[in-house]
Amino acid sequence: MKITPGSYGFVKHSALWVRDIPVAYIPFLIFPVNLKRQSGLLAPEMGHSDRKGIEYTQPFYWAIDDSSDATVYYQYMEKRGNKIGLEYRYVLNEHAKGLIMLDVLNDRQTDIGSPESVEKWGYAGDAYSRPNSDRYWFRMKHDQPLPLGFFGRVDLDIVSDQDYLNEFKDG
């Protein structure tokens, strides 16, 4: 192992051991050895589901300054399309802070009201058509002290349609 303070650490030919048993071999690993936040790619997420097909999400973290940062991500969903998201976090002072998040999806799968479509998406029994392909979820939270000892709080959620939160609970 080679570590350069304020830079990166390098490891070659190492293993992860659990109770005297090697469970993973790591041929090469680079990790930051820095006290300051750094911008860069985060670990991707992969998965598969019946509704979305193969999924791949790649987030990017941006350390804007000491009091704000953002995470931008791209999510590929084989059956649904491409989703882009943004999380922006900020601290104005010790008591004032906030979060703004937006997810946007041009959905390939819409419910056109046919019996096959209604059954496929699990909405049998209601009379609502779901033709919306431009889908989004905007959310914002902000805490702010006000004069005379009052405190203001905003907690806002706006979704494009009645089913977005059921289908995409995590954004």
Foldseek 3Di string as FASTA:
>chain_A
DDDDAQAKDKDAFDFDDDPNRTDGTDGIDIDGRRPDDDWFKDDKDWDADPQQGTKIKIKTKACPDPFKIKIWMWMQGPQFGIKIKMKIWGDPDPFKIKIKMKIWFQTPQFFQPDPVSCVSVVNPPDDDGGRDRTWMKIWMWIWAADPPRDIDIDTDIDIPDDCPCVVCVPD
